[in-house]
């Protein structure tokens, strides 16, 4: 008999958006399969009044407290309260900042939300997102040469979410669906600048995802070729042959998350950029 999953309260206190905390906390809690975290996220905590609300919540629902605060006075209040309550409390940035300080021989200059500055990198991401949204699902296929990455694959291979994730990393990404019998966009096989990557999954995985989608749309039909295993297998075979013919790298997304697929694409892109003559 499987032991029922228990839970604990996890308080995430940030003076910015809380994204850093959430990412680190979820990476840690994912390692504990028999326990589930009840997240309490407190972004933009920058005043004593805002911290009062946080401390009241922590006292009401005791648990682990993680924070990314830079104001020394707020940190002291939070840590002292947790100490009085007997609760574990840890700064996520603290150990890293101390390591940097030791190596660089210089103290950090506290800047709340510095990683979200409206700098060139920020506007690069916005530009990439705009491009990606306009070039989703084969749209504006005559403009693919401006992309950095073009994802190709049959329906339900996570092309769109992977494209958006890459765009959030500043990579202009387009995606093109591959459908047997439907002509490819003119020029797709002649692209020079973009890295073209094929995404594929097992027939069973594709069929399961498509069936769930049709059920959600209340359009399920057992005779539909869209979910026929033999037809899906032919689609995947067609896409893999196309990629092999053009020398496009392939990524199996059957058991990959969007983040893992994007990481694999980023690795391929970095490797390509290291080649002579490639920007």
C-alpha atoms as a PDB file:
ATOM      1  CA  UNK A   1       0.000   0.000   0.000  1.00  0.00           C
ATOM      2  CA  UNK A   2       1.403   3.369  -1.014  1.00  0.00           C
ATOM      3  CA  UNK A   3       2.084   5.748   1.838  1.00  0.00           C
ATOM      4  CA  UNK A   4      -0.143   8.829   1.504  1.00  0.00           C
ATOM      5  CA  UNK A   5       1.640  11.986   0.478  1.00  0.00           C
ATOM      6  CA  UNK A   6       2.175  14.422   3.358  1.00  0.00           C
ATOM      7  CA  UNK A   7       2.626  18.150   3.033  1.00  0.00           C
ATOM      8  CA  UNK A   8       4.431  21.080   4.590  1.00  0.00           C
ATOM      9  CA  UNK A   9       4.091  24.841   4.337  1.00  0.00           C
ATOM     10  CA  UNK A  10       6.751  26.628   2.304  1.00  0.00           C
ATOM     11  CA  UNK A  11       6.965  30.420   2.630  1.00  0.00           C
ATOM     12  CA  UNK A  12       8.794  32.260  -0.162  1.00  0.00           C
ATOM     13  CA  UNK A  13       9.545  35.893   0.668  1.00  0.00           C
ATOM     14  CA  UNK A  14      10.971  38.172  -2.024  1.00  0.00           C
ATOM     15  CA  UNK A  15      11.524  41.891  -2.518  1.00  0.00           C
ATOM     16  CA  UNK A  16      11.144  41.378  -6.272  1.00  0.00           C
ATOM     17  CA  UNK A  17       9.019  39.033  -8.413  1.00  0.00           C
ATOM     18  CA  UNK A  18       9.815  35.839  -6.513  1.00  0.00           C
ATOM     19  CA  UNK A  19      10.779  33.958  -9.683  1.00  0.00           C
ATOM     20  CA  UNK A  20      14.216  33.012  -8.353  1.00  0.00           C
ATOM     21  CA  UNK A  21      12.755  31.653  -5.130  1.00  0.00           C
ATOM     22  CA  UNK A  22      10.029  29.687  -6.862  1.00  0.00           C
ATOM     23  CA  UNK A  23      12.499  28.076  -9.267  1.00  0.00           C
ATOM     24  CA  UNK A  24      14.929  27.041  -6.526  1.00  0.00           C
ATOM     25  CA  UNK A  25      12.191  25.881  -4.162  1.00  0.00           C
ATOM     26  CA  UNK A  26      10.485  23.730  -6.774  1.00  0.00           C
ATOM     27  CA  UNK A  27      13.774  22.204  -7.873  1.00  0.00           C
ATOM     28  CA  UNK A  28      14.367  21.171  -4.255  1.00  0.00           C
ATOM     29  CA  UNK A  29      10.857  19.926  -3.444  1.00  0.00           C
ATOM     30  CA  UNK A  30      10.814  17.859  -6.644  1.00  0.00           C
ATOM     31  CA  UNK A  31      13.374  15.579  -4.991  1.00  0.00           C
ATOM     32  CA  UNK A  32      10.869  14.531  -2.321  1.00  0.00           C
ATOM     33  CA  UNK A  33       8.207  12.325  -3.885  1.00  0.00           C
ATOM     34  CA  UNK A  34       6.369  11.532  -0.642  1.00  0.00           C
ATOM     35  CA  UNK A  35       5.916  15.103   0.505  1.00  0.00           C
ATOM     36  CA  UNK A  36       4.154  18.047  -1.114  1.00  0.00           C
ATOM     37  CA  UNK A  37       4.854  21.733  -0.512  1.00  0.00           C
ATOM     38  CA  UNK A  38       2.011  24.174   0.069  1.00  0.00           C
ATOM     39  CA  UNK A  39       3.526  27.341  -1.367  1.00  0.00           C
ATOM     40  CA  UNK A  40       2.923  30.775   0.121  1.00  0.00           C
ATOM     41  CA  UNK A  41       4.552  33.334  -2.181  1.00  0.00           C
ATOM     42  CA  UNK A  42       5.074  36.931  -1.045  1.00  0.00           C
ATOM     43  CA  UNK A  43       6.526  39.107  -3.850  1.00  0.00           C
ATOM     44  CA  UNK A  44       7.607  42.765  -3.617  1.00  0.00           C
ATOM     45  CA  UNK A  45       8.075  42.764   0.180  1.00  0.00           C
ATOM     46  CA  UNK A  46       9.937  46.054   0.700  1.00  0.00           C
ATOM     47  CA  UNK A  47       8.417  47.718   3.773  1.00  0.00           C
ATOM     48  CA  UNK A  48       7.833  46.807   7.399  1.00  0.00           C
ATOM     49  CA  UNK A  49       4.086  46.934   6.855  1.00  0.00           C
ATOM     50  CA  UNK A  50       4.320  44.400   4.049  1.00  0.00           C
ATOM     51  CA  UNK A  51       6.558  42.217   6.187  1.00  0.00           C
ATOM     52  CA  UNK A  52       4.025  42.363   9.039  1.00  0.00           C
ATOM     53  CA  UNK A  53       1.529  40.550   6.820  1.00  0.00           C
ATOM     54  CA  UNK A  54       4.147  37.940   5.900  1.00  0.00           C
ATOM     55  CA  UNK A  55       5.116  37.285   9.510  1.00  0.00           C
ATOM     56  CA  UNK A  56       1.467  36.881  10.498  1.00  0.00           C
ATOM     57  CA  UNK A  57       1.006  34.291   7.740  1.00  0.00           C
ATOM     58  CA  UNK A  58       4.155  32.422   8.778  1.00  0.00           C
ATOM     59  CA  UNK A  59       3.002  32.299  12.392  1.00  0.00           C
ATOM     60  CA  UNK A  60      -0.428  31.052  11.325  1.00  0.00           C
ATOM     61  CA  UNK A  61       0.954  28.349   8.972  1.00  0.00           C
ATOM     62  CA  UNK A  62       4.429  27.407  10.308  1.00  0.00           C
ATOM     63  CA  UNK A  63       6.874  25.857   7.860  1.00  0.00           C
ATOM     64  CA  UNK A  64      10.114  26.348   5.940  1.00  0.00           C
ATOM     65  CA  UNK A  65      10.951  29.973   5.099  1.00  0.00           C
ATOM     66  CA  UNK A  66      13.135  30.904   2.110  1.00  0.00           C
ATOM     67  CA  UNK A  67      13.831  34.476   1.133  1.00  0.00           C
ATOM     68  CA  UNK A  68      15.605  36.808  -1.299  1.00  0.00           C
ATOM     69  CA  UNK A  69      15.582  40.082   0.614  1.00  0.00           C
ATOM     70  CA  UNK A  70      18.357  42.672   0.440  1.00  0.00           C
ATOM     71  CA  UNK A  71      17.229  45.148   3.114  1.00  0.00           C
ATOM     72  CA  UNK A  72      19.220  44.317   6.277  1.00  0.00           C
ATOM     73  CA  UNK A  73      16.474  45.527   8.644  1.00  0.00           C
ATOM     74  CA  UNK A  74      13.817  43.370   6.982  1.00  0.00           C
ATOM     75  CA  UNK A  75      16.153  40.378   6.997  1.00  0.00           C
ATOM     76  CA  UNK A  76      16.799  40.788  10.721  1.00  0.00           C
ATOM     77  CA  UNK A  77      13.075  40.944  11.503  1.00  0.00           C
ATOM     78  CA  UNK A  78      12.307  37.882   9.388  1.00  0.00           C
ATOM     79  CA  UNK A  79      15.161  35.790  10.761  1.00  0.00           C
ATOM     80  CA  UNK A  80      14.520  36.808  14.388  1.00  0.00           C
ATOM     81  CA  UNK A  81      10.825  35.938  14.098  1.00  0.00           C
ATOM     82  CA  UNK A  82      11.603  32.563  12.577  1.00  0.00           C
ATOM     83  CA  UNK A  83      14.155  31.903  15.297  1.00  0.00           C
ATOM     84  CA  UNK A  84      11.589  32.730  17.980  1.00  0.00           C
ATOM     85  CA  UNK A  85       9.079  30.401  16.285  1.00  0.00           C
ATOM     86  CA  UNK A  86      11.668  27.647  15.888  1.00  0.00           C
ATOM     87  CA  UNK A  87      11.321  27.637  12.100  1.00  0.00           C
ATOM     88  CA  UNK A  88      14.068  27.040   9.502  1.00  0.00           C
ATOM     89  CA  UNK A  89      14.869  30.219   7.558  1.00  0.00           C
ATOM     90  CA  UNK A  90      17.377  30.571   4.721  1.00  0.00           C
ATOM     91  CA  UNK A  91      18.528  33.267   2.301  1.00  0.00           C
ATOM     92  CA  UNK A  92      18.785  31.768  -1.189  1.00  0.00           C
ATOM     93  CA  UNK A  93      21.127  34.485  -2.461  1.00  0.00           C
ATOM     94  CA  UNK A  94      23.189  34.824   0.736  1.00  0.00           C
ATOM     95  CA  UNK A  95      25.613  31.894   0.245  1.00  0.00           C
ATOM     96  CA  UNK A  96      26.140  32.802  -3.422  1.00  0.00           C
ATOM     97  CA  UNK A  97      26.797  36.468  -2.638  1.00  0.00           C
ATOM     98  CA  UNK A  98      29.289  35.506   0.080  1.00  0.00           C
ATOM     99  CA  UNK A  99      31.077  33.204  -2.368  1.00  0.00           C
ATOM    100  CA  UNK A 100      31.282  35.991  -4.946  1.00  0.00           C
ATOM    101  CA  UNK A 101      32.478  38.447  -2.318  1.00  0.00           C
ATOM    102  CA  UNK A 102      35.237  36.079  -1.229  1.00  0.00           C
ATOM    103  CA  UNK A 103      36.390  35.430  -4.799  1.00  0.00           C
ATOM    104  CA  UNK A 104      36.060  38.982  -6.118  1.00  0.00           C
ATOM    105  CA  UNK A 105      37.248  40.764  -3.014  1.00  0.00           C
ATOM    106  CA  UNK A 106      34.384  43.242  -3.265  1.00  0.00           C
ATOM    107  CA  UNK A 107      31.030  43.654  -1.599  1.00  0.00           C
ATOM    108  CA  UNK A 108      27.790  43.514  -3.565  1.00  0.00           C
ATOM    109  CA  UNK A 109      25.795  46.683  -4.169  1.00  0.00           C
ATOM    110  CA  UNK A 110      22.197  45.824  -3.152  1.00  0.00           C
ATOM    111  CA  UNK A 111      19.829  46.424  -6.068  1.00  0.00           C
ATOM    112  CA  UNK A 112      16.300  45.060  -5.732  1.00  0.00           C
ATOM    113  CA  UNK A 113      15.120  43.320  -8.917  1.00  0.00           C
ATOM    114  CA  UNK A 114      18.407  44.038 -10.699  1.00  0.00           C
ATOM    115  CA  UNK A 115      17.975  40.965 -12.908  1.00  0.00           C
ATOM    116  CA  UNK A 116      14.792  42.515 -14.325  1.00  0.00           C
ATOM    117  CA  UNK A 117      16.439  45.722 -15.517  1.00  0.00           C
ATOM    118  CA  UNK A 118      15.167  47.255 -18.763  1.00  0.00           C
ATOM    119  CA  UNK A 119      18.489  46.745 -20.510  1.00  0.00           C
ATOM    120  CA  UNK A 120      19.498  45.511 -23.969  1.00  0.00           C
ATOM    121  CA  UNK A 121      19.021  41.888 -22.915  1.00  0.00           C
ATOM    122  CA  UNK A 122      15.467  42.611 -21.770  1.00  0.00           C
ATOM    123  CA  UNK A 123      14.502  44.222 -25.079  1.00  0.00           C
ATOM    124  CA  UNK A 124      16.150  41.354 -26.933  1.00  0.00           C
ATOM    125  CA  UNK A 125      13.771  38.973 -25.171  1.00  0.00           C
ATOM    126  CA  UNK A 126      10.776  41.145 -26.028  1.00  0.00           C
ATOM    127  CA  UNK A 127      11.862  41.245 -29.675  1.00  0.00           C
ATOM    128  CA  UNK A 128      12.270  37.470 -29.672  1.00  0.00           C
ATOM    129  CA  UNK A 129       8.812  36.975 -28.132  1.00  0.00           C
ATOM    130  CA  UNK A 130       7.187  39.254 -30.721  1.00  0.00           C
ATOM    131  CA  UNK A 131       8.886  37.367 -33.547  1.00  0.00           C
ATOM    132  CA  UNK A 132       7.995  33.973 -32.106  1.00  0.00           C
ATOM    133  CA  UNK A 133       4.314  34.794 -31.612  1.00  0.00           C
ATOM    134  CA  UNK A 134       4.033  36.031 -35.213  1.00  0.00           C
ATOM    135  CA  UNK A 135       5.759  32.931 -36.578  1.00  0.00           C
ATOM    136  CA  UNK A 136       3.864  30.272 -34.650  1.00  0.00           C
ATOM    137  CA  UNK A 137       2.445  27.193 -36.401  1.00  0.00           C
ATOM    138  CA  UNK A 138       3.831  28.019 -39.841  1.00  0.00           C
ATOM    139  CA  UNK A 139       2.682  31.634 -39.954  1.00  0.00           C
ATOM    140  CA  UNK A 140       4.697  34.140 -42.004  1.00  0.00           C
ATOM    141  CA  UNK A 141       6.771  31.297 -43.442  1.00  0.00           C
ATOM    142  CA  UNK A 142       8.373  33.649 -45.970  1.00  0.00           C
ATOM    143  CA  UNK A 143      10.246  35.324 -43.101  1.00  0.00           C
ATOM    144  CA  UNK A 144      11.953  32.284 -41.549  1.00  0.00           C
ATOM    145  CA  UNK A 145      15.465  33.381 -42.472  1.00  0.00           C
ATOM    146  CA  UNK A 146      15.346  35.976 -39.674  1.00  0.00           C
ATOM    147  CA  UNK A 147      14.837  33.263 -37.067  1.00  0.00           C
ATOM    148  CA  UNK A 148      17.648  31.868 -34.949  1.00  0.00           C
ATOM    149  CA  UNK A 149      15.860  28.546 -34.496  1.00  0.00           C
ATOM    150  CA  UNK A 150      13.104  26.879 -36.535  1.00  0.00           C
ATOM    151  CA  UNK A 151      11.355  23.915 -34.906  1.00  0.00           C
ATOM    152  CA  UNK A 152       9.661  21.386 -37.184  1.00  0.00           C
ATOM    153  CA  UNK A 153       7.552  18.374 -36.263  1.00  0.00           C
ATOM    154  CA  UNK A 154       4.153  16.743 -36.489  1.00  0.00           C
ATOM    155  CA  UNK A 155       1.212  17.983 -34.456  1.00  0.00           C
ATOM    156  CA  UNK A 156       1.504  17.673 -30.635  1.00  0.00           C
ATOM    157  CA  UNK A 157       5.304  17.592 -30.384  1.00  0.00           C
ATOM    158  CA  UNK A 158       5.398  20.690 -28.120  1.00  0.00           C
ATOM    159  CA  UNK A 159       6.647  23.039 -30.825  1.00  0.00           C
ATOM    160  CA  UNK A 160       4.716  26.109 -29.645  1.00  0.00           C
ATOM    161  CA  UNK A 161       5.501  25.963 -25.892  1.00  0.00           C
ATOM    162  CA  UNK A 162       9.140  25.160 -26.645  1.00  0.00           C
ATOM    163  CA  UNK A 163       9.290  28.120 -29.027  1.00  0.00           C
ATOM    164  CA  UNK A 164       7.869  30.452 -26.383  1.00  0.00           C
ATOM    165  CA  UNK A 165      10.300  29.158 -23.762  1.00  0.00           C
ATOM    166  CA  UNK A 166      13.229  29.771 -26.123  1.00  0.00           C
ATOM    167  CA  UNK A 167      11.916  33.254 -26.906  1.00  0.00           C
ATOM    168  CA  UNK A 168      11.921  33.995 -23.182  1.00  0.00           C
ATOM    169  CA  UNK A 169      15.616  33.196 -23.326  1.00  0.00           C
ATOM    170  CA  UNK A 170      16.043  35.745 -26.109  1.00  0.00           C
ATOM    171  CA  UNK A 171      16.090  33.272 -29.016  1.00  0.00           C
ATOM    172  CA  UNK A 172      13.974  34.182 -32.047  1.00  0.00           C
ATOM    173  CA  UNK A 173      12.121  30.946 -32.745  1.00  0.00           C
ATOM    174  CA  UNK A 174       9.648  29.948 -35.431  1.00  0.00           C
ATOM    175  CA  UNK A 175       7.868  26.621 -35.697  1.00  0.00           C
ATOM    176  CA  UNK A 176       6.470  24.776 -38.693  1.00  0.00           C
ATOM    177  CA  UNK A 177       4.044  21.826 -38.565  1.00  0.00           C
ATOM    178  CA  UNK A 178       4.877  18.837 -40.741  1.00  0.00           C
ATOM    179  CA  UNK A 179       1.848  17.209 -42.335  1.00  0.00           C
ATOM    180  CA  UNK A 180       2.203  14.398 -44.910  1.00  0.00           C
ATOM    181  CA  UNK A 181       0.709  15.482 -48.231  1.00  0.00           C
ATOM    182  CA  UNK A 182       0.868  19.179 -47.342  1.00  0.00           C
ATOM    183  CA  UNK A 183       3.654  21.085 -49.148  1.00  0.00           C
ATOM    184  CA  UNK A 184       6.450  22.490 -47.017  1.00  0.00           C
ATOM    185  CA  UNK A 185       6.783  26.273 -46.842  1.00  0.00           C
ATOM    186  CA  UNK A 186       8.829  27.482 -49.811  1.00  0.00           C
ATOM    187  CA  UNK A 187      12.430  27.924 -48.827  1.00  0.00           C
ATOM    188  CA  UNK A 188      12.283  25.859 -45.602  1.00  0.00           C
ATOM    189  CA  UNK A 189      14.845  23.390 -46.889  1.00  0.00           C
ATOM    190  CA  UNK A 190      17.059  26.219 -48.181  1.00  0.00           C
ATOM    191  CA  UNK A 191      17.416  28.144 -44.909  1.00  0.00           C
ATOM    192  CA  UNK A 192      20.991  29.239 -44.180  1.00  0.00           C
ATOM    193  CA  UNK A 193      21.014  31.279 -40.962  1.00  0.00           C
ATOM    194  CA  UNK A 194      18.546  29.491 -38.626  1.00  0.00           C
ATOM    195  CA  UNK A 195      19.205  26.230 -36.843  1.00  0.00           C
ATOM    196  CA  UNK A 196      16.410  23.897 -37.933  1.00  0.00           C
ATOM    197  CA  UNK A 197      15.565  21.225 -35.333  1.00  0.00           C
ATOM    198  CA  UNK A 198      13.104  18.376 -35.689  1.00  0.00           C
ATOM    199  CA  UNK A 199      10.965  17.340 -32.709  1.00  0.00           C
ATOM    200  CA  UNK A 200       9.398  13.884 -32.564  1.00  0.00           C
ATOM    201  CA  UNK A 201       7.822  11.543 -30.034  1.00  0.00           C
ATOM    202  CA  UNK A 202       6.691   7.937 -29.912  1.00  0.00           C
ATOM    203  CA  UNK A 203       3.425   7.136 -31.733  1.00  0.00           C
ATOM    204  CA  UNK A 204       1.854   6.114 -28.412  1.00  0.00           C
ATOM    205  CA  UNK A 205       2.693   9.457 -26.854  1.00  0.00           C
ATOM    206  CA  UNK A 206       1.384  11.456 -29.810  1.00  0.00           C
ATOM    207  CA  UNK A 207      -1.844   9.453 -29.956  1.00  0.00           C
ATOM    208  CA  UNK A 208      -2.456   9.871 -26.206  1.00  0.00           C
ATOM    209  CA  UNK A 209      -1.948  13.648 -26.349  1.00  0.00           C
ATOM    210  CA  UNK A 210      -4.170  13.999 -29.420  1.00  0.00           C
ATOM    211  CA  UNK A 211      -6.923  11.890 -27.854  1.00  0.00           C
ATOM    212  CA  UNK A 212      -6.912  14.074 -24.745  1.00  0.00           C
ATOM    213  CA  UNK A 213      -7.068  17.194 -26.889  1.00  0.00           C
ATOM    214  CA  UNK A 214     -10.020  15.876 -28.895  1.00  0.00           C
ATOM    215  CA  UNK A 215     -11.817  14.838 -25.721  1.00  0.00           C
ATOM    216  CA  UNK A 216     -11.315  18.355 -24.381  1.00  0.00           C
ATOM    217  CA  UNK A 217     -12.804  19.735 -27.578  1.00  0.00           C
ATOM    218  CA  UNK A 218     -15.558  17.076 -27.488  1.00  0.00           C
ATOM    219  CA  UNK A 219     -14.522  16.052 -30.975  1.00  0.00           C
ATOM    220  CA  UNK A 220     -13.303  12.524 -30.250  1.00  0.00           C
ATOM    221  CA  UNK A 221     -13.644  10.111 -33.159  1.00  0.00           C
ATOM    222  CA  UNK A 222     -12.030   6.666 -33.036  1.00  0.00           C
ATOM    223  CA  UNK A 223     -11.910   6.503 -36.866  1.00  0.00           C
ATOM    224  CA  UNK A 224     -10.082   9.820 -37.172  1.00  0.00           C
ATOM    225  CA  UNK A 225      -6.654   9.455 -38.824  1.00  0.00           C
ATOM    226  CA  UNK A 226      -5.460  12.160 -36.442  1.00  0.00           C
ATOM    227  CA  UNK A 227      -5.414   9.554 -33.650  1.00  0.00           C
ATOM    228  CA  UNK A 228      -4.942   6.401 -35.732  1.00  0.00           C
ATOM    229  CA  UNK A 229      -1.707   4.790 -34.552  1.00  0.00           C
ATOM    230  CA  UNK A 230      -0.674   3.600 -38.021  1.00  0.00           C
ATOM    231  CA  UNK A 231      -1.292   7.030 -39.544  1.00  0.00           C
ATOM    232  CA  UNK A 232       0.582   8.731 -36.715  1.00  0.00           C
ATOM    233  CA  UNK A 233       3.518   6.353 -37.209  1.00  0.00           C
ATOM    234  CA  UNK A 234       3.615   7.315 -40.891  1.00  0.00           C
ATOM    235  CA  UNK A 235       3.617  11.009 -39.943  1.00  0.00           C
ATOM    236  CA  UNK A 236       6.561  10.531 -37.597  1.00  0.00           C
ATOM    237  CA  UNK A 237       8.453   8.467 -40.176  1.00  0.00           C
ATOM    238  CA  UNK A 238       7.899  11.212 -42.746  1.00  0.00           C
ATOM    239  CA  UNK A 239       9.168  13.921 -40.389  1.00  0.00           C
ATOM    240  CA  UNK A 240      12.272  11.936 -39.413  1.00  0.00           C
ATOM    241  CA  UNK A 241      13.133  11.202 -43.041  1.00  0.00           C
ATOM    242  CA  UNK A 242      12.727  14.874 -43.914  1.00  0.00           C
ATOM    243  CA  UNK A 243      15.107  15.882 -41.127  1.00  0.00           C
ATOM    244  CA  UNK A 244      17.627  13.195 -42.075  1.00  0.00           C
ATOM    245  CA  UNK A 245      17.545  14.324 -45.722  1.00  0.00           C
ATOM    246  CA  UNK A 246      18.351  17.886 -44.734  1.00  0.00           C
ATOM    247  CA  UNK A 247      20.802  17.074 -41.946  1.00  0.00           C
ATOM    248  CA  UNK A 248      18.577  18.681 -39.317  1.00  0.00           C
ATOM    249  CA  UNK A 249      19.177  17.416 -35.748  1.00  0.00           C
ATOM    250  CA  UNK A 250      16.344  15.516 -34.091  1.00  0.00           C
ATOM    251  CA  UNK A 251      15.175  15.628 -30.480  1.00  0.00           C
ATOM    252  CA  UNK A 252      12.956  12.925 -28.990  1.00  0.00           C
ATOM    253  CA  UNK A 253      10.452  14.750 -26.752  1.00  0.00           C
ATOM    254  CA  UNK A 254       8.594  11.622 -25.616  1.00  0.00           C
ATOM    255  CA  UNK A 255       9.819  11.880 -22.022  1.00  0.00           C
ATOM    256  CA  UNK A 256      11.172  15.413 -22.011  1.00  0.00           C
ATOM    257  CA  UNK A 257       9.644  18.431 -20.336  1.00  0.00           C
ATOM    258  CA  UNK A 258       9.441  21.709 -22.261  1.00  0.00           C
ATOM    259  CA  UNK A 259      12.414  22.996 -20.256  1.00  0.00           C
ATOM    260  CA  UNK A 260      14.499  19.922 -21.099  1.00  0.00           C
ATOM    261  CA  UNK A 261      13.655  20.162 -24.788  1.00  0.00           C
ATOM    262  CA  UNK A 262      14.548  23.856 -24.824  1.00  0.00           C
ATOM    263  CA  UNK A 263      17.835  23.111 -23.049  1.00  0.00           C
ATOM    264  CA  UNK A 264      18.691  20.538 -25.719  1.00  0.00           C
ATOM    265  CA  UNK A 265      17.929  23.087 -28.451  1.00  0.00           C
ATOM    266  CA  UNK A 266      20.060  25.714 -26.689  1.00  0.00           C
ATOM    267  CA  UNK A 267      22.951  23.236 -26.526  1.00  0.00           C
ATOM    268  CA  UNK A 268      22.651  22.562 -30.266  1.00  0.00           C
ATOM    269  CA  UNK A 269      22.506  26.305 -30.957  1.00  0.00           C
ATOM    270  CA  UNK A 270      25.604  26.972 -28.833  1.00  0.00           C
ATOM    271  CA  UNK A 271      27.479  24.202 -30.616  1.00  0.00           C
ATOM    272  CA  UNK A 272      26.482  25.600 -34.003  1.00  0.00           C
ATOM    273  CA  UNK A 273      27.573  29.126 -33.048  1.00  0.00           C
ATOM    274  CA  UNK A 274      31.022  27.803 -32.172  1.00  0.00           C
ATOM    275  CA  UNK A 275      31.516  26.713 -35.772  1.00  0.00           C
ATOM    276  CA  UNK A 276      33.644  29.064 -37.927  1.00  0.00           C
ATOM    277  CA  UNK A 277      31.603  31.532 -39.961  1.00  0.00           C
ATOM    278  CA  UNK A 278      28.411  31.038 -37.908  1.00  0.00           C
ATOM    279  CA  UNK A 279      27.065  34.036 -35.993  1.00  0.00           C
END
